[in-house]
N, C-alpha and C. Protein backbone atom coordinates (compact mmCIF):
# COMPACT_ATOMS: atom_id res chain seq x y z
N MET A 1 169.27 58.62 -34.72
CA MET A 1 169.06 57.21 -34.95
C MET A 1 170.40 56.56 -35.28
N LEU A 2 170.68 55.42 -34.64
CA LEU A 2 171.94 54.73 -34.84
C LEU A 2 171.92 53.91 -36.12
N LYS A 3 173.02 53.93 -36.79
CA LYS A 3 173.15 53.14 -38.01
C LYS A 3 173.67 51.76 -37.64
N ARG A 4 172.98 50.73 -38.03
CA ARG A 4 173.37 49.37 -37.68
C ARG A 4 174.26 48.77 -38.75
N SER A 5 175.22 48.01 -38.31
CA SER A 5 176.14 47.34 -39.22
C SER A 5 175.49 46.06 -39.73
N LYS A 6 175.77 45.73 -40.98
CA LYS A 6 175.22 44.52 -41.57
C LYS A 6 176.15 43.33 -41.37
N PHE A 7 177.21 43.50 -40.61
CA PHE A 7 178.20 42.46 -40.44
C PHE A 7 177.96 41.73 -39.14
N GLU A 8 178.35 40.45 -39.12
CA GLU A 8 178.11 39.64 -37.94
C GLU A 8 179.12 39.92 -36.83
N THR A 9 180.18 40.63 -37.13
CA THR A 9 181.16 40.97 -36.10
C THR A 9 180.79 42.30 -35.47
N THR A 10 180.81 42.32 -34.17
CA THR A 10 180.50 43.55 -33.44
C THR A 10 181.79 44.28 -33.11
N GLN A 11 181.67 45.45 -32.59
CA GLN A 11 182.84 46.24 -32.23
C GLN A 11 183.67 45.55 -31.15
N SER A 12 182.99 44.92 -30.20
CA SER A 12 183.74 44.24 -29.14
C SER A 12 184.49 43.03 -29.69
N GLN A 13 183.91 42.33 -30.67
CA GLN A 13 184.60 41.19 -31.28
C GLN A 13 185.83 41.67 -32.03
N ILE A 14 185.73 42.80 -32.71
CA ILE A 14 186.87 43.34 -33.43
C ILE A 14 187.96 43.76 -32.45
N MET A 15 187.58 44.32 -31.31
CA MET A 15 188.57 44.70 -30.29
C MET A 15 189.28 43.46 -29.76
N TYR A 16 188.53 42.37 -29.52
CA TYR A 16 189.16 41.14 -29.04
C TYR A 16 190.10 40.57 -30.09
N ARG A 17 189.70 40.63 -31.35
CA ARG A 17 190.56 40.13 -32.43
C ARG A 17 191.84 40.96 -32.53
N ALA A 18 191.71 42.27 -32.40
CA ALA A 18 192.89 43.13 -32.45
C ALA A 18 193.82 42.86 -31.26
N GLU A 19 193.25 42.65 -30.10
CA GLU A 19 194.05 42.32 -28.92
C GLU A 19 194.77 40.99 -29.11
N ASP A 20 194.10 40.01 -29.71
CA ASP A 20 194.73 38.72 -29.98
C ASP A 20 195.90 38.87 -30.94
N LEU A 21 195.72 39.69 -31.96
CA LEU A 21 196.80 39.94 -32.91
C LEU A 21 198.00 40.57 -32.22
N ILE A 22 197.75 41.57 -31.41
CA ILE A 22 198.84 42.28 -30.74
C ILE A 22 199.53 41.37 -29.73
N SER A 23 198.76 40.58 -29.00
CA SER A 23 199.38 39.71 -28.00
C SER A 23 200.18 38.58 -28.64
N ALA A 24 199.78 38.14 -29.83
CA ALA A 24 200.51 37.06 -30.51
C ALA A 24 201.75 37.57 -31.23
N ALA A 25 201.82 38.85 -31.48
CA ALA A 25 202.95 39.43 -32.21
C ALA A 25 204.13 39.67 -31.27
N SER A 26 205.32 39.55 -31.82
CA SER A 26 206.51 39.83 -31.02
C SER A 26 206.81 41.33 -30.98
N ASN A 27 206.24 42.06 -31.94
CA ASN A 27 206.51 43.49 -32.05
C ASN A 27 205.21 44.21 -32.39
N ARG A 28 204.74 45.05 -31.49
CA ARG A 28 203.46 45.76 -31.71
C ARG A 28 203.50 46.67 -32.92
N TYR A 29 204.62 47.34 -33.10
CA TYR A 29 204.74 48.25 -34.23
C TYR A 29 204.64 47.49 -35.54
N ARG A 30 205.31 46.36 -35.63
CA ARG A 30 205.32 45.60 -36.88
C ARG A 30 203.94 45.05 -37.23
N ILE A 31 203.20 44.57 -36.25
CA ILE A 31 201.86 44.04 -36.55
C ILE A 31 200.94 45.19 -36.94
N THR A 32 201.12 46.36 -36.35
CA THR A 32 200.31 47.52 -36.72
C THR A 32 200.59 47.93 -38.16
N VAL A 33 201.86 47.90 -38.55
CA VAL A 33 202.23 48.24 -39.92
C VAL A 33 201.69 47.19 -40.89
N GLN A 34 201.72 45.92 -40.50
CA GLN A 34 201.18 44.86 -41.35
C GLN A 34 199.68 45.03 -41.57
N VAL A 35 198.95 45.37 -40.52
CA VAL A 35 197.51 45.60 -40.66
C VAL A 35 197.27 46.80 -41.57
N ALA A 36 198.05 47.86 -41.39
CA ALA A 36 197.88 49.06 -42.22
C ALA A 36 198.19 48.77 -43.68
N ASN A 37 199.25 48.01 -43.94
CA ASN A 37 199.59 47.67 -45.32
C ASN A 37 198.53 46.79 -45.98
N ARG A 38 197.99 45.84 -45.22
CA ARG A 38 196.94 45.00 -45.79
C ARG A 38 195.68 45.81 -46.05
N ALA A 39 195.36 46.72 -45.16
CA ALA A 39 194.18 47.57 -45.35
C ALA A 39 194.36 48.46 -46.57
N LYS A 40 195.55 48.98 -46.75
CA LYS A 40 195.84 49.82 -47.90
C LYS A 40 195.71 49.02 -49.20
N ARG A 41 196.24 47.80 -49.19
CA ARG A 41 196.13 46.93 -50.36
C ARG A 41 194.67 46.59 -50.66
N ARG A 42 193.90 46.30 -49.60
CA ARG A 42 192.49 45.95 -49.78
C ARG A 42 191.68 47.14 -50.28
N ARG A 43 192.07 48.33 -49.87
CA ARG A 43 191.33 49.52 -50.31
C ARG A 43 191.39 49.66 -51.83
N TYR A 44 192.55 49.37 -52.40
CA TYR A 44 192.68 49.46 -53.84
C TYR A 44 192.03 48.28 -54.56
N GLU A 45 191.88 47.16 -53.87
CA GLU A 45 191.19 46.01 -54.45
C GLU A 45 189.68 46.17 -54.41
N ASP A 46 189.18 47.07 -53.56
CA ASP A 46 187.74 47.25 -53.38
C ASP A 46 187.04 47.78 -54.63
N PHE A 47 187.79 48.33 -55.55
CA PHE A 47 187.17 48.84 -56.76
C PHE A 47 186.59 47.71 -57.61
N ASP A 48 187.09 46.49 -57.42
CA ASP A 48 186.64 45.35 -58.21
C ASP A 48 185.63 44.47 -57.48
N THR A 49 185.35 44.75 -56.22
CA THR A 49 184.46 43.91 -55.43
C THR A 49 183.03 44.43 -55.46
N PRO A 50 182.08 43.55 -55.13
CA PRO A 50 180.67 43.99 -55.07
C PRO A 50 180.44 45.05 -54.00
N ALA A 51 179.35 45.74 -54.12
CA ALA A 51 179.05 46.89 -53.25
C ALA A 51 178.86 46.50 -51.79
N GLU A 52 178.35 45.28 -51.50
CA GLU A 52 178.10 44.93 -50.11
C GLU A 52 179.39 44.70 -49.33
N ASP A 53 180.46 44.30 -50.00
CA ASP A 53 181.73 44.11 -49.31
C ASP A 53 182.44 45.44 -49.06
N VAL A 54 182.15 46.44 -49.83
CA VAL A 54 182.82 47.73 -49.72
C VAL A 54 182.38 48.47 -48.46
N MET A 55 181.25 48.12 -47.90
CA MET A 55 180.74 48.83 -46.74
C MET A 55 181.62 48.63 -45.51
N MET A 56 182.36 47.52 -45.43
CA MET A 56 183.24 47.30 -44.30
C MET A 56 184.55 48.05 -44.55
N LYS A 57 184.99 48.76 -43.57
CA LYS A 57 186.22 49.54 -43.71
C LYS A 57 187.41 48.60 -43.90
N PRO A 58 188.39 49.01 -44.72
CA PRO A 58 189.54 48.13 -45.00
C PRO A 58 190.34 47.74 -43.76
N VAL A 59 190.45 48.62 -42.78
CA VAL A 59 191.21 48.29 -41.57
C VAL A 59 190.50 47.19 -40.78
N LEU A 60 189.19 47.30 -40.67
CA LEU A 60 188.43 46.27 -39.96
C LEU A 60 188.53 44.94 -40.67
N ARG A 61 188.42 44.96 -42.00
CA ARG A 61 188.54 43.74 -42.77
C ARG A 61 189.93 43.13 -42.60
N ALA A 62 190.97 43.95 -42.57
CA ALA A 62 192.34 43.45 -42.40
C ALA A 62 192.50 42.81 -41.02
N ILE A 63 191.95 43.42 -39.99
CA ILE A 63 192.03 42.85 -38.64
C ILE A 63 191.32 41.51 -38.60
N ILE A 64 190.15 41.42 -39.19
CA ILE A 64 189.39 40.17 -39.19
C ILE A 64 190.14 39.10 -39.95
N GLU A 65 190.66 39.43 -41.13
CA GLU A 65 191.38 38.44 -41.93
C GLU A 65 192.64 37.96 -41.22
N MET A 66 193.39 38.87 -40.65
CA MET A 66 194.64 38.48 -39.99
C MET A 66 194.38 37.69 -38.72
N SER A 67 193.33 38.00 -37.99
CA SER A 67 193.02 37.21 -36.80
C SER A 67 192.50 35.84 -37.18
N ASP A 68 191.78 35.74 -38.30
CA ASP A 68 191.36 34.42 -38.79
C ASP A 68 192.56 33.59 -39.20
N GLU A 69 193.54 34.21 -39.84
CA GLU A 69 194.75 33.49 -40.22
C GLU A 69 195.53 33.03 -38.99
N LEU A 70 195.44 33.81 -37.93
CA LEU A 70 196.13 33.46 -36.69
C LEU A 70 195.45 32.27 -36.00
N THR A 71 194.12 32.29 -35.95
CA THR A 71 193.39 31.25 -35.24
C THR A 71 193.09 30.03 -36.11
N GLN A 72 193.07 30.20 -37.43
CA GLN A 72 192.76 29.10 -38.34
C GLN A 72 193.84 29.04 -39.43
N PRO A 73 195.01 28.50 -39.10
CA PRO A 73 196.11 28.50 -40.07
C PRO A 73 195.83 27.65 -41.31
N GLU A 74 194.85 26.80 -41.26
CA GLU A 74 194.54 25.97 -42.43
C GLU A 74 193.93 26.76 -43.58
N ILE A 75 193.46 27.97 -43.33
CA ILE A 75 192.89 28.78 -44.42
C ILE A 75 193.96 29.44 -45.26
N ILE A 76 195.19 29.50 -44.74
CA ILE A 76 196.29 30.09 -45.51
C ILE A 76 196.73 29.15 -46.61
N GLY A 77 196.88 27.87 -46.30
CA GLY A 77 197.31 26.90 -47.30
C GLY A 77 198.83 26.84 -47.39
N GLU A 78 199.30 25.82 -48.08
CA GLU A 78 200.73 25.63 -48.25
C GLU A 78 201.26 26.51 -49.35
N LEU A 79 202.38 27.16 -49.13
CA LEU A 79 203.00 28.00 -50.14
C LEU A 79 204.10 27.25 -50.85
């Protein structure tokens, strides 16, 4: 029996988001390292989050967040 994900993003959507990130980056290696670093940071932050958010893997969450920042720059805000 297949285990269904409770998230609205499917595997194909995550693949498209990852492709968008890679195509928008000037350096594939650097964007891969950025995703890995964000996932690593999020993994340690997961100890403080509710249980339903922990079910999504940190790498997937990092890809989704970074692609959202790419497509919707207004969510980043002014620094």
